[in-house]
Amino acid sequence: MSTDEGYRTSKCALVTVGASASFKPLIEEVLSDAFIAKLKSLHFTHFIVQCGPDYDYFESVKPKRNPDDPDDLEIVGFPYKKNFRAWFGLAAESKPGERYPRAKGLIITHAGSGSILDALDFNTNLIAVPNPALMGNHQSEIAEEMERQGFLVQGKLGSLVDLLNEEALNTPRKQWPPEPDPESVFPGGLWDVIDLLMPRRKLGGDQGRARWLLV
């Protein structure tokens, strides 16, 4: 699809594993033939993978682009970028009047609370995949509660391809930030989950207010 100015409408899928912890099984799955084929069938044009410490693995298995097909899926990856949050916007639907049009795409993130909160700021589809190797799998509890409240879809390793379909990508997501849900075991939503699961650390000396360090 192109605009009157000749720019093709892009549709971007973005994967993030975080800055430091390895999540090689996720990268392996999203680079599988089946997953790449599903992205192409859903008319994605760009696929960005933030790899953390698994960048060398990404480079060794990244599918090569077909030079004879100008519409082939473009796949890029990198370990991390300081301004990485800005990249999330590439997966969001463009606003009226933007020069380079974008269709609503997809963010697949590890289920760390910080990455989830960043992704929720953008108008796009969101799948959170818990990394079972981290902190007693607290990420599963965060993802489950956020899915229950309608903010995202919890993905599980081994079944991500099954989550990618037109219906899932067109299902409206509940507006963020939420109103408190008094019937939830976590009525404050994600913040209550973080309060229960994440360690505290005081910043700024003995008069500093306690703040959360989000992963």
N, C-alpha and C. Protein backbone atom coordinates (compact mmCIF):
# COMPACT_ATOMS: atom_id res chain seq x y z
N MET A 1 0.84 -1.18 0.00
CA MET A 1 0.00 0.00 0.00
C MET A 1 0.88 1.24 0.00
N SER A 2 0.54 2.23 -0.83
CA SER A 2 1.33 3.45 -0.91
C SER A 2 0.45 4.66 -0.75
N THR A 3 1.06 5.77 -0.34
CA THR A 3 0.34 7.03 -0.21
C THR A 3 0.43 7.79 -1.51
N ASP A 4 -0.27 8.95 -1.53
CA ASP A 4 -0.22 9.77 -2.73
C ASP A 4 1.18 10.25 -3.04
N GLU A 5 2.04 10.38 -2.01
CA GLU A 5 3.41 10.81 -2.21
C GLU A 5 4.32 9.66 -2.61
N GLY A 6 3.79 8.46 -2.69
CA GLY A 6 4.57 7.32 -3.13
C GLY A 6 5.23 6.52 -2.02
N TYR A 7 4.98 6.86 -0.75
CA TYR A 7 5.58 6.12 0.34
C TYR A 7 4.73 4.91 0.69
N ARG A 8 5.38 3.76 0.76
CA ARG A 8 4.67 2.55 1.12
C ARG A 8 4.31 2.58 2.60
N THR A 9 3.11 2.16 2.93
CA THR A 9 2.71 2.05 4.33
C THR A 9 3.48 0.90 4.97
N SER A 10 4.23 1.21 6.01
CA SER A 10 5.00 0.17 6.68
C SER A 10 4.17 -0.47 7.79
N LYS A 11 4.55 -1.68 8.13
CA LYS A 11 3.92 -2.41 9.23
C LYS A 11 5.03 -3.15 9.94
N CYS A 12 5.29 -2.76 11.17
CA CYS A 12 6.50 -3.20 11.86
C CYS A 12 6.16 -4.10 13.06
N ALA A 13 6.91 -5.19 13.16
CA ALA A 13 6.90 -6.01 14.37
C ALA A 13 8.23 -5.81 15.07
N LEU A 14 8.16 -5.65 16.39
CA LEU A 14 9.37 -5.39 17.17
C LEU A 14 9.43 -6.35 18.35
N VAL A 15 10.59 -6.94 18.57
CA VAL A 15 10.80 -7.85 19.69
C VAL A 15 11.87 -7.25 20.60
N THR A 16 11.64 -7.26 21.90
CA THR A 16 12.64 -6.80 22.85
C THR A 16 12.80 -7.80 23.99
N VAL A 17 14.06 -8.10 24.31
CA VAL A 17 14.35 -9.04 25.39
C VAL A 17 14.94 -8.33 26.61
N GLY A 18 15.14 -7.01 26.53
CA GLY A 18 15.76 -6.28 27.63
C GLY A 18 17.24 -6.10 27.40
N ALA A 19 17.87 -5.33 28.29
CA ALA A 19 19.25 -4.91 28.06
C ALA A 19 20.30 -5.96 28.44
N SER A 20 20.04 -6.76 29.46
CA SER A 20 21.14 -7.56 30.00
C SER A 20 20.88 -9.06 30.06
N ALA A 21 19.67 -9.48 30.32
CA ALA A 21 19.39 -10.91 30.49
C ALA A 21 19.20 -11.60 29.15
N SER A 22 19.76 -12.77 29.02
CA SER A 22 19.58 -13.57 27.81
C SER A 22 18.16 -14.11 27.73
N PHE A 23 17.61 -14.11 26.53
CA PHE A 23 16.32 -14.74 26.28
C PHE A 23 16.40 -15.41 24.90
N LYS A 24 17.38 -16.26 24.77
CA LYS A 24 17.66 -16.91 23.49
C LYS A 24 16.48 -17.72 22.96
N PRO A 25 15.72 -18.44 23.81
CA PRO A 25 14.59 -19.20 23.27
C PRO A 25 13.56 -18.31 22.55
N LEU A 26 13.36 -17.09 23.03
CA LEU A 26 12.43 -16.19 22.35
C LEU A 26 12.97 -15.78 20.99
N ILE A 27 14.25 -15.42 20.93
CA ILE A 27 14.84 -15.02 19.66
C ILE A 27 14.82 -16.19 18.68
N GLU A 28 15.13 -17.37 19.17
CA GLU A 28 15.09 -18.55 18.32
C GLU A 28 13.70 -18.77 17.72
N GLU A 29 12.68 -18.58 18.53
CA GLU A 29 11.32 -18.82 18.05
C GLU A 29 10.87 -17.77 17.03
N VAL A 30 11.17 -16.50 17.29
CA VAL A 30 10.69 -15.46 16.37
C VAL A 30 11.47 -15.43 15.06
N LEU A 31 12.62 -16.11 15.01
CA LEU A 31 13.37 -16.21 13.76
C LEU A 31 13.13 -17.53 13.04
N SER A 32 12.20 -18.32 13.56
CA SER A 32 11.90 -19.60 12.92
C SER A 32 11.19 -19.37 11.58
N ASP A 33 11.29 -20.34 10.71
CA ASP A 33 10.65 -20.22 9.39
C ASP A 33 9.15 -20.00 9.53
N ALA A 34 8.53 -20.70 10.48
CA ALA A 34 7.08 -20.58 10.64
C ALA A 34 6.68 -19.19 11.09
N PHE A 35 7.44 -18.60 12.00
CA PHE A 35 7.10 -17.27 12.51
C PHE A 35 7.31 -16.21 11.43
N ILE A 36 8.43 -16.30 10.72
CA ILE A 36 8.70 -15.33 9.65
C ILE A 36 7.64 -15.43 8.56
N ALA A 37 7.25 -16.65 8.22
CA ALA A 37 6.22 -16.83 7.21
C ALA A 37 4.90 -16.22 7.65
N LYS A 38 4.58 -16.34 8.95
CA LYS A 38 3.33 -15.77 9.45
C LYS A 38 3.38 -14.24 9.39
N LEU A 39 4.51 -13.64 9.73
CA LEU A 39 4.63 -12.19 9.62
C LEU A 39 4.41 -11.73 8.17
N LYS A 40 4.99 -12.44 7.24
CA LYS A 40 4.83 -12.08 5.82
C LYS A 40 3.37 -12.22 5.39
N SER A 41 2.70 -13.26 5.86
CA SER A 41 1.31 -13.48 5.46
C SER A 41 0.39 -12.40 6.01
N LEU A 42 0.81 -11.75 7.11
CA LEU A 42 0.03 -10.67 7.72
C LEU A 42 0.50 -9.30 7.24
N HIS A 43 1.34 -9.30 6.20
CA HIS A 43 1.75 -8.08 5.51
C HIS A 43 2.64 -7.16 6.35
N PHE A 44 3.43 -7.75 7.23
CA PHE A 44 4.45 -6.97 7.91
C PHE A 44 5.57 -6.66 6.93
N THR A 45 6.12 -5.46 7.04
CA THR A 45 7.20 -5.04 6.13
C THR A 45 8.56 -4.99 6.82
N HIS A 46 8.55 -4.78 8.15
CA HIS A 46 9.80 -4.65 8.90
C HIS A 46 9.72 -5.47 10.18
N PHE A 47 10.85 -6.05 10.54
CA PHE A 47 10.95 -6.86 11.76
C PHE A 47 12.23 -6.46 12.48
N ILE A 48 12.07 -5.89 13.68
CA ILE A 48 13.20 -5.39 14.46
C ILE A 48 13.33 -6.25 15.71
N VAL A 49 14.55 -6.72 15.97
CA VAL A 49 14.79 -7.59 17.11
C VAL A 49 15.89 -6.98 17.98
N GLN A 50 15.53 -6.57 19.19
CA GLN A 50 16.51 -6.12 20.17
C GLN A 50 16.95 -7.35 20.94
N CYS A 51 18.23 -7.70 20.82
CA CYS A 51 18.70 -9.04 21.19
C CYS A 51 19.42 -9.12 22.52
N GLY A 52 19.80 -7.98 23.12
CA GLY A 52 20.57 -8.06 24.34
C GLY A 52 21.86 -8.83 24.13
N PRO A 53 22.21 -9.72 25.05
CA PRO A 53 23.47 -10.46 24.93
C PRO A 53 23.44 -11.56 23.86
N ASP A 54 22.31 -11.76 23.22
CA ASP A 54 22.19 -12.84 22.22
C ASP A 54 22.34 -12.32 20.78
N TYR A 55 22.98 -11.16 20.63
CA TYR A 55 23.10 -10.57 19.30
C TYR A 55 23.90 -11.46 18.35
N ASP A 56 24.99 -12.07 18.82
CA ASP A 56 25.79 -12.93 17.95
C ASP A 56 24.96 -14.10 17.44
N TYR A 57 24.12 -14.64 18.31
CA TYR A 57 23.24 -15.73 17.88
C TYR A 57 22.27 -15.22 16.82
N PHE A 58 21.68 -14.06 17.04
CA PHE A 58 20.78 -13.47 16.05
C PHE A 58 21.44 -13.37 14.69
N GLU A 59 22.66 -12.85 14.66
CA GLU A 59 23.36 -12.68 13.38
C GLU A 59 23.62 -14.01 12.70
N SER A 60 23.83 -15.05 13.49
CA SER A 60 24.17 -16.35 12.90
C SER A 60 22.97 -17.05 12.28
N VAL A 61 21.75 -16.69 12.72
CA VAL A 61 20.56 -17.40 12.22
C VAL A 61 19.58 -16.48 11.49
N LYS A 62 19.86 -15.20 11.41
CA LYS A 62 18.94 -14.25 10.79
C LYS A 62 18.68 -14.64 9.33
N PRO A 63 17.41 -14.76 8.94
CA PRO A 63 17.11 -15.07 7.54
C PRO A 63 17.60 -13.95 6.62
N LYS A 64 18.09 -14.33 5.47
CA LYS A 64 18.57 -13.34 4.51
C LYS A 64 17.42 -12.80 3.67
N ARG A 65 17.49 -11.52 3.37
CA ARG A 65 16.45 -10.89 2.57
C ARG A 65 16.64 -11.27 1.11
N ASN A 66 15.53 -11.46 0.42
CA ASN A 66 15.56 -11.80 -1.00
C ASN A 66 15.83 -10.53 -1.81
N PRO A 67 16.99 -10.41 -2.44
CA PRO A 67 17.31 -9.17 -3.16
C PRO A 67 16.43 -8.95 -4.39
N ASP A 68 15.77 -10.00 -4.84
CA ASP A 68 14.92 -9.87 -6.02
C ASP A 68 13.47 -9.51 -5.68
N ASP A 69 13.19 -9.38 -4.37
CA ASP A 69 11.83 -9.05 -3.93
C ASP A 69 11.86 -7.77 -3.12
N PRO A 70 11.52 -6.63 -3.72
CA PRO A 70 11.58 -5.36 -2.99
C PRO A 70 10.59 -5.29 -1.83
N ASP A 71 9.60 -6.16 -1.81
CA ASP A 71 8.61 -6.17 -0.73
C ASP A 71 8.88 -7.24 0.32
N ASP A 72 10.04 -7.87 0.24
CA ASP A 72 10.36 -8.90 1.23
C ASP A 72 10.52 -8.27 2.61
N LEU A 73 10.27 -9.06 3.64
CA LEU A 73 10.37 -8.59 5.01
C LEU A 73 11.81 -8.17 5.33
N GLU A 74 11.96 -6.96 5.83
CA GLU A 74 13.29 -6.46 6.21
C GLU A 74 13.52 -6.75 7.68
N ILE A 75 14.58 -7.48 7.99
CA ILE A 75 14.88 -7.91 9.36
C ILE A 75 16.17 -7.28 9.83
N VAL A 76 16.11 -6.57 10.95
CA VAL A 76 17.30 -5.96 11.53
C VAL A 76 17.34 -6.28 13.02
N GLY A 77 18.54 -6.26 13.58
CA GLY A 77 18.70 -6.52 15.00
C GLY A 77 19.87 -5.76 15.58
N PHE A 78 19.89 -5.63 16.88
CA PHE A 78 20.98 -4.96 17.58
C PHE A 78 20.92 -5.38 19.05
N PRO A 79 22.05 -5.24 19.79
CA PRO A 79 22.02 -5.62 21.22
C PRO A 79 21.10 -4.74 22.04
N TYR A 80 21.33 -3.42 22.00
CA TYR A 80 20.49 -2.48 22.73
C TYR A 80 20.84 -1.07 22.26
N LYS A 81 19.92 -0.13 22.46
CA LYS A 81 20.17 1.27 22.16
C LYS A 81 19.65 2.12 23.32
N LYS A 82 20.39 3.18 23.65
CA LYS A 82 20.00 4.01 24.77
C LYS A 82 18.61 4.62 24.58
N ASN A 83 18.29 4.96 23.35
CA ASN A 83 16.98 5.56 23.07
C ASN A 83 16.00 4.53 22.55
N PHE A 84 16.12 3.30 23.06
CA PHE A 84 15.35 2.21 22.47
C PHE A 84 13.84 2.43 22.56
N ARG A 85 13.38 3.09 23.60
CA ARG A 85 11.95 3.31 23.75
C ARG A 85 11.37 4.00 22.51
N ALA A 86 12.14 4.87 21.87
CA ALA A 86 11.65 5.56 20.68
C ALA A 86 11.38 4.59 19.53
N TRP A 87 12.06 3.47 19.53
CA TRP A 87 11.84 2.48 18.47
C TRP A 87 10.46 1.85 18.57
N PHE A 88 9.87 1.84 19.78
CA PHE A 88 8.54 1.28 19.93
C PHE A 88 7.55 1.99 19.02
N GLY A 89 7.77 3.28 18.79
CA GLY A 89 6.85 4.04 17.95
C GLY A 89 6.76 3.53 16.53
N LEU A 90 7.77 2.81 16.06
CA LEU A 90 7.73 2.26 14.71
C LEU A 90 6.66 1.19 14.56
N ALA A 91 6.28 0.58 15.69
CA ALA A 91 5.24 -0.45 15.66
C ALA A 91 3.85 0.11 15.91
N ALA A 92 3.76 1.42 16.12
CA ALA A 92 2.47 2.06 16.39
C ALA A 92 1.89 2.66 15.12
N GLU A 93 0.59 2.74 15.08
CA GLU A 93 -0.10 3.34 13.93
C GLU A 93 0.25 4.82 13.83
N SER A 94 0.55 5.28 12.63
CA SER A 94 0.90 6.68 12.45
C SER A 94 -0.32 7.57 12.64
N LYS A 95 -0.06 8.82 12.98
CA LYS A 95 -1.11 9.80 13.16
C LYS A 95 -1.40 10.49 11.83
N PRO A 96 -2.61 11.03 11.67
CA PRO A 96 -2.94 11.73 10.43
C PRO A 96 -1.94 12.85 10.16
N GLY A 97 -1.49 12.93 8.93
CA GLY A 97 -0.57 13.98 8.54
C GLY A 97 0.89 13.59 8.61
N GLU A 98 1.22 12.46 9.22
CA GLU A 98 2.61 12.03 9.24
C GLU A 98 3.06 11.67 7.83
N ARG A 99 4.29 12.03 7.51
CA ARG A 99 4.78 11.86 6.14
C ARG A 99 4.95 10.39 5.77
N TYR A 100 5.42 9.60 6.73
CA TYR A 100 5.67 8.18 6.46
C TYR A 100 4.61 7.35 7.18
N PRO A 101 3.63 6.84 6.47
CA PRO A 101 2.50 6.16 7.11
C PRO A 101 2.88 4.78 7.64
N ARG A 102 2.27 4.44 8.78
CA ARG A 102 2.50 3.14 9.41
C ARG A 102 1.16 2.53 9.79
N ALA A 103 0.99 1.27 9.51
CA ALA A 103 -0.15 0.52 10.02
C ALA A 103 0.16 0.07 11.45
N LYS A 104 -0.88 -0.21 12.20
CA LYS A 104 -0.67 -0.73 13.56
C LYS A 104 0.05 -2.07 13.47
N GLY A 105 1.17 -2.17 14.17
CA GLY A 105 1.98 -3.38 14.10
C GLY A 105 1.90 -4.21 15.36
N LEU A 106 3.07 -4.57 15.89
CA LEU A 106 3.11 -5.52 17.00
C LEU A 106 4.40 -5.33 17.79
N ILE A 107 4.29 -5.32 19.10
CA ILE A 107 5.45 -5.41 19.99
C ILE A 107 5.36 -6.72 20.76
N ILE A 108 6.44 -7.47 20.72
CA ILE A 108 6.58 -8.67 21.55
C ILE A 108 7.70 -8.38 22.54
N THR A 109 7.38 -8.34 23.81
CA THR A 109 8.37 -8.01 24.82
C THR A 109 8.48 -9.11 25.87
N HIS A 110 9.67 -9.22 26.43
CA HIS A 110 9.77 -10.03 27.65
C HIS A 110 8.85 -9.38 28.68
N ALA A 111 8.42 -10.12 29.66
CA ALA A 111 7.38 -9.63 30.56
C ALA A 111 7.94 -8.88 31.77
N GLY A 112 9.04 -8.18 31.59
CA GLY A 112 9.51 -7.29 32.64
C GLY A 112 8.62 -6.07 32.73
N SER A 113 8.37 -5.60 33.94
CA SER A 113 7.40 -4.53 34.13
C SER A 113 7.79 -3.25 33.42
N GLY A 114 9.09 -2.91 33.41
CA GLY A 114 9.51 -1.69 32.75
C GLY A 114 9.24 -1.69 31.27
N SER A 115 9.54 -2.81 30.61
CA SER A 115 9.30 -2.90 29.17
C SER A 115 7.81 -2.89 28.85
N ILE A 116 7.02 -3.56 29.68
CA ILE A 116 5.57 -3.55 29.47
C ILE A 116 5.03 -2.13 29.58
N LEU A 117 5.45 -1.39 30.60
CA LEU A 117 4.96 -0.02 30.78
C LEU A 117 5.36 0.87 29.61
N ASP A 118 6.57 0.71 29.11
CA ASP A 118 6.99 1.49 27.95
C ASP A 118 6.12 1.17 26.74
N ALA A 119 5.89 -0.11 26.50
CA ALA A 119 5.13 -0.51 25.31
C ALA A 119 3.67 -0.06 25.38
N LEU A 120 3.11 -0.02 26.59
CA LEU A 120 1.71 0.36 26.72
C LEU A 120 1.45 1.82 26.33
N ASP A 121 2.48 2.62 26.25
CA ASP A 121 2.31 4.01 25.86
C ASP A 121 2.05 4.19 24.37
N PHE A 122 2.15 3.10 23.61
CA PHE A 122 2.04 3.20 22.15
C PHE A 122 0.79 2.47 21.65
N ASN A 123 0.21 3.02 20.61
CA ASN A 123 -1.00 2.47 20.02
C ASN A 123 -0.64 1.30 19.10
N THR A 124 -0.46 0.15 19.69
CA THR A 124 -0.08 -1.03 18.92
C THR A 124 -0.52 -2.28 19.66
N ASN A 125 -0.37 -3.42 19.03
CA ASN A 125 -0.65 -4.70 19.66
C ASN A 125 0.53 -5.10 20.55
N LEU A 126 0.23 -5.78 21.64
CA LEU A 126 1.28 -6.09 22.61
C LEU A 126 1.15 -7.53 23.10
N ILE A 127 2.24 -8.27 22.96
CA ILE A 127 2.36 -9.62 23.51
C ILE A 127 3.53 -9.62 24.48
N ALA A 128 3.29 -10.08 25.71
CA ALA A 128 4.34 -10.17 26.72
C ALA A 128 4.66 -11.64 26.97
N VAL A 129 5.93 -11.98 26.84
CA VAL A 129 6.36 -13.37 26.97
C VAL A 129 7.26 -13.51 28.20
N PRO A 130 6.81 -14.21 29.23
CA PRO A 130 7.64 -14.37 30.43
C PRO A 130 8.92 -15.14 30.12
N ASN A 131 10.00 -14.68 30.72
CA ASN A 131 11.28 -15.39 30.63
C ASN A 131 11.37 -16.30 31.84
N PRO A 132 11.21 -17.60 31.67
CA PRO A 132 11.15 -18.51 32.83
C PRO A 132 12.45 -18.62 33.59
N ALA A 133 13.54 -18.08 33.04
CA ALA A 133 14.83 -18.18 33.72
C ALA A 133 15.04 -17.09 34.75
N LEU A 134 14.10 -16.13 34.86
CA LEU A 134 14.34 -14.96 35.71
C LEU A 134 13.50 -14.98 36.99
N MET A 135 14.13 -14.76 38.11
CA MET A 135 13.50 -14.42 39.39
C MET A 135 12.26 -15.23 39.73
N GLY A 136 12.40 -16.54 39.71
CA GLY A 136 11.28 -17.38 40.11
C GLY A 136 10.07 -17.23 39.22
N ASN A 137 10.30 -16.79 37.98
CA ASN A 137 9.23 -16.62 36.98
C ASN A 137 8.17 -15.61 37.43
N HIS A 138 8.57 -14.55 38.14
CA HIS A 138 7.62 -13.50 38.52
C HIS A 138 7.00 -12.84 37.31
N GLN A 139 7.70 -12.91 36.17
CA GLN A 139 7.16 -12.28 34.96
C GLN A 139 5.83 -12.91 34.54
N SER A 140 5.65 -14.19 34.81
CA SER A 140 4.40 -14.84 34.46
C SER A 140 3.23 -14.22 35.22
N GLU A 141 3.44 -13.92 36.49
CA GLU A 141 2.36 -13.33 37.28
C GLU A 141 1.99 -11.93 36.78
N ILE A 142 3.01 -11.17 36.41
CA ILE A 142 2.76 -9.83 35.85
C ILE A 142 1.98 -9.95 34.55
N ALA A 143 2.43 -10.82 33.64
CA ALA A 143 1.78 -10.97 32.34
C ALA A 143 0.35 -11.49 32.48
N GLU A 144 0.16 -12.45 33.38
CA GLU A 144 -1.19 -13.01 33.57
C GLU A 144 -2.17 -11.94 34.05
N GLU A 145 -1.75 -11.12 35.01
CA GLU A 145 -2.65 -10.09 35.53
C GLU A 145 -2.93 -9.02 34.48
N MET A 146 -1.93 -8.63 33.73
CA MET A 146 -2.13 -7.62 32.69
C MET A 146 -3.02 -8.14 31.57
N GLU A 147 -2.88 -9.43 31.26
CA GLU A 147 -3.78 -10.03 30.26
C GLU A 147 -5.20 -10.09 30.79
N ARG A 148 -5.35 -10.46 32.05
CA ARG A 148 -6.69 -10.54 32.64
C ARG A 148 -7.40 -9.20 32.60
N GLN A 149 -6.64 -8.13 32.77
CA GLN A 149 -7.23 -6.81 32.75
C GLN A 149 -7.38 -6.24 31.34
N GLY A 150 -6.93 -6.98 30.33
CA GLY A 150 -7.19 -6.60 28.95
C GLY A 150 -6.19 -5.67 28.31
N PHE A 151 -4.98 -5.55 28.89
CA PHE A 151 -4.00 -4.61 28.35
C PHE A 151 -3.05 -5.24 27.35
N LEU A 152 -2.93 -6.56 27.38
CA LEU A 152 -1.99 -7.24 26.49
C LEU A 152 -2.39 -8.70 26.37
N VAL A 153 -1.66 -9.42 25.54
CA VAL A 153 -1.81 -10.86 25.42
C VAL A 153 -0.56 -11.51 25.99
N GLN A 154 -0.74 -12.49 26.85
CA GLN A 154 0.41 -13.22 27.36
C GLN A 154 0.81 -14.29 26.35
N GLY A 155 2.05 -14.24 25.92
CA GLY A 155 2.56 -15.26 25.01
C GLY A 155 3.37 -16.29 25.77
N LYS A 156 3.43 -17.49 25.23
CA LYS A 156 4.22 -18.54 25.84
C LYS A 156 5.15 -19.14 24.80
N LEU A 157 6.35 -19.43 25.23
CA LEU A 157 7.32 -20.03 24.32
C LEU A 157 6.76 -21.31 23.71
N GLY A 158 6.94 -21.43 22.41
CA GLY A 158 6.46 -22.61 21.71
C GLY A 158 5.11 -22.45 21.04
N SER A 159 4.44 -21.31 21.29
CA SER A 159 3.10 -21.14 20.71
C SER A 159 2.86 -19.73 20.18
N LEU A 160 3.92 -18.97 19.93
CA LEU A 160 3.73 -17.59 19.50
C LEU A 160 3.11 -17.49 18.11
N VAL A 161 3.44 -18.42 17.24
CA VAL A 161 2.87 -18.39 15.88
C VAL A 161 1.35 -18.46 15.96
N ASP A 162 0.83 -19.24 16.89
CA ASP A 162 -0.61 -19.41 17.00
C ASP A 162 -1.32 -18.13 17.43
N LEU A 163 -0.58 -17.20 18.05
CA LEU A 163 -1.19 -15.95 18.50
C LEU A 163 -1.31 -14.92 17.37
N LEU A 164 -0.58 -15.16 16.29
CA LEU A 164 -0.56 -14.18 15.20
C LEU A 164 -1.65 -14.50 14.18
N ASN A 165 -2.71 -13.72 14.21
CA ASN A 165 -3.76 -13.85 13.22
C ASN A 165 -4.49 -12.51 13.13
N GLU A 166 -5.29 -12.35 12.08
CA GLU A 166 -5.95 -11.07 11.85
C GLU A 166 -6.87 -10.69 13.00
N GLU A 167 -7.56 -11.67 13.56
CA GLU A 167 -8.48 -11.37 14.67
C GLU A 167 -7.73 -10.81 15.87
N ALA A 168 -6.62 -11.47 16.23
CA ALA A 168 -5.86 -11.02 17.40
C ALA A 168 -5.27 -9.64 17.18
N LEU A 169 -4.83 -9.37 15.95
CA LEU A 169 -4.20 -8.08 15.67
C LEU A 169 -5.20 -6.95 15.50
N ASN A 170 -6.48 -7.27 15.47
CA ASN A 170 -7.50 -6.23 15.32
C ASN A 170 -8.42 -6.14 16.54
N THR A 171 -8.08 -6.88 17.59
CA THR A 171 -8.87 -6.80 18.82
C THR A 171 -8.48 -5.55 19.60
N PRO A 172 -9.43 -4.69 19.94
CA PRO A 172 -9.10 -3.46 20.69
C PRO A 172 -8.46 -3.79 22.03
N ARG A 173 -7.47 -3.01 22.39
CA ARG A 173 -6.80 -3.17 23.66
C ARG A 173 -7.38 -2.17 24.66
N LYS A 174 -7.51 -2.59 25.89
CA LYS A 174 -8.02 -1.70 26.92
C LYS A 174 -7.10 -0.50 27.10
N GLN A 175 -7.71 0.64 27.33
CA GLN A 175 -6.96 1.89 27.44
C GLN A 175 -6.02 1.88 28.65
N TRP A 176 -4.84 2.38 28.43
CA TRP A 176 -3.86 2.54 29.51
C TRP A 176 -3.64 4.03 29.75
N PRO A 177 -3.53 4.49 31.03
CA PRO A 177 -3.53 3.74 32.29
C PRO A 177 -4.94 3.35 32.72
N PRO A 178 -5.05 2.35 33.57
CA PRO A 178 -6.35 1.81 33.93
C PRO A 178 -7.00 2.52 35.10
N GLU A 179 -8.30 2.30 35.23
CA GLU A 179 -8.99 2.62 36.47
C GLU A 179 -8.83 1.43 37.41
N PRO A 180 -8.74 1.65 38.73
CA PRO A 180 -8.60 0.52 39.67
C PRO A 180 -9.77 -0.46 39.52
N ASP A 181 -9.46 -1.75 39.61
CA ASP A 181 -10.46 -2.80 39.53
C ASP A 181 -10.65 -3.42 40.91
N PRO A 182 -11.73 -3.08 41.63
CA PRO A 182 -11.90 -3.55 43.01
C PRO A 182 -12.08 -5.05 43.13
N GLU A 183 -12.43 -5.74 42.05
CA GLU A 183 -12.67 -7.17 42.13
C GLU A 183 -11.40 -7.99 41.88
N SER A 184 -10.34 -7.33 41.46
CA SER A 184 -9.10 -8.05 41.20
C SER A 184 -8.37 -8.34 42.50
N VAL A 185 -7.60 -9.45 42.51
CA VAL A 185 -6.74 -9.71 43.66
C VAL A 185 -5.62 -8.67 43.71
N PHE A 186 -5.42 -7.98 42.58
CA PHE A 186 -4.49 -6.85 42.51
C PHE A 186 -5.28 -5.63 42.05
N PRO A 187 -6.07 -5.00 42.93
CA PRO A 187 -6.96 -3.91 42.52
C PRO A 187 -6.23 -2.71 41.93
N GLY A 188 -4.96 -2.56 42.23
CA GLY A 188 -4.19 -1.48 41.64
C GLY A 188 -3.52 -1.87 40.35
N GLY A 189 -3.86 -3.05 39.83
CA GLY A 189 -3.30 -3.48 38.55
C GLY A 189 -1.83 -3.81 38.66
N LEU A 190 -1.09 -3.43 37.64
CA LEU A 190 0.32 -3.78 37.56
C LEU A 190 1.10 -3.28 38.76
N TRP A 191 0.75 -2.10 39.27
CA TRP A 191 1.51 -1.55 40.39
C TRP A 191 1.42 -2.44 41.63
N ASP A 192 0.25 -3.02 41.88
CA ASP A 192 0.13 -3.93 43.02
C ASP A 192 0.95 -5.19 42.82
N VAL A 193 0.99 -5.67 41.56
CA VAL A 193 1.80 -6.86 41.27
C VAL A 193 3.27 -6.56 41.54
N ILE A 194 3.73 -5.40 41.05
CA ILE A 194 5.12 -5.00 41.26
C ILE A 194 5.41 -4.86 42.75
N ASP A 195 4.46 -4.26 43.47
CA ASP A 195 4.62 -4.04 44.90
C ASP A 195 4.84 -5.35 45.64
N LEU A 196 4.16 -6.39 45.17
CA LEU A 196 4.27 -7.69 45.82
C LEU A 196 5.55 -8.42 45.43
N LEU A 197 5.94 -8.29 44.17
CA LEU A 197 6.97 -9.17 43.63
C LEU A 197 8.37 -8.58 43.56
N MET A 198 8.47 -7.25 43.42
CA MET A 198 9.77 -6.66 43.13
C MET A 198 10.43 -6.11 44.39
N PRO A 199 11.78 -6.20 44.46
CA PRO A 199 12.50 -5.69 45.63
C PRO A 199 12.53 -4.17 45.66
N ARG A 200 12.64 -3.61 46.85
CA ARG A 200 12.75 -2.17 47.01
C ARG A 200 14.21 -1.76 47.17
N ARG A 201 14.45 -0.51 46.80
CA ARG A 201 15.77 0.05 47.04
C ARG A 201 15.63 1.54 47.17
N LYS A 202 16.21 2.13 48.20
CA LYS A 202 16.11 3.56 48.39
C LYS A 202 17.20 4.27 47.60
N LEU A 203 16.78 5.36 46.94
CA LEU A 203 17.71 6.15 46.14
C LEU A 203 17.83 7.53 46.75
N GLY A 204 19.04 8.12 46.70
CA GLY A 204 19.21 9.50 47.08
C GLY A 204 19.44 9.72 48.56
N GLY A 205 20.06 8.78 49.26
CA GLY A 205 20.38 9.01 50.66
C GLY A 205 19.25 8.66 51.59
N ASP A 206 19.43 8.95 52.91
CA ASP A 206 18.45 8.50 53.88
C ASP A 206 17.16 9.30 53.84
N GLN A 207 17.14 10.43 53.11
CA GLN A 207 15.90 11.16 52.96
C GLN A 207 15.24 10.88 51.61
N GLY A 208 15.88 10.02 50.83
CA GLY A 208 15.31 9.70 49.53
C GLY A 208 14.07 8.86 49.67
N ARG A 209 13.11 9.10 48.81
CA ARG A 209 11.88 8.33 48.84
C ARG A 209 12.12 6.96 48.21
N ALA A 210 11.50 5.90 48.74
CA ALA A 210 11.65 4.58 48.16
C ALA A 210 11.03 4.55 46.77
N ARG A 211 11.81 4.01 45.83
CA ARG A 211 11.32 3.91 44.45
C ARG A 211 11.57 2.50 43.95
N TRP A 212 10.79 2.13 42.94
CA TRP A 212 10.96 0.78 42.40
C TRP A 212 12.01 0.81 41.30
N LEU A 213 12.82 -0.23 41.28
CA LEU A 213 13.70 -0.45 40.14
C LEU A 213 13.01 -1.49 39.28
N LEU A 214 12.56 -1.08 38.10
CA LEU A 214 11.80 -1.97 37.24
C LEU A 214 12.73 -2.68 36.29
N VAL A 215 12.44 -3.94 36.02
CA VAL A 215 13.26 -4.70 35.08
C VAL A 215 12.60 -4.73 33.73
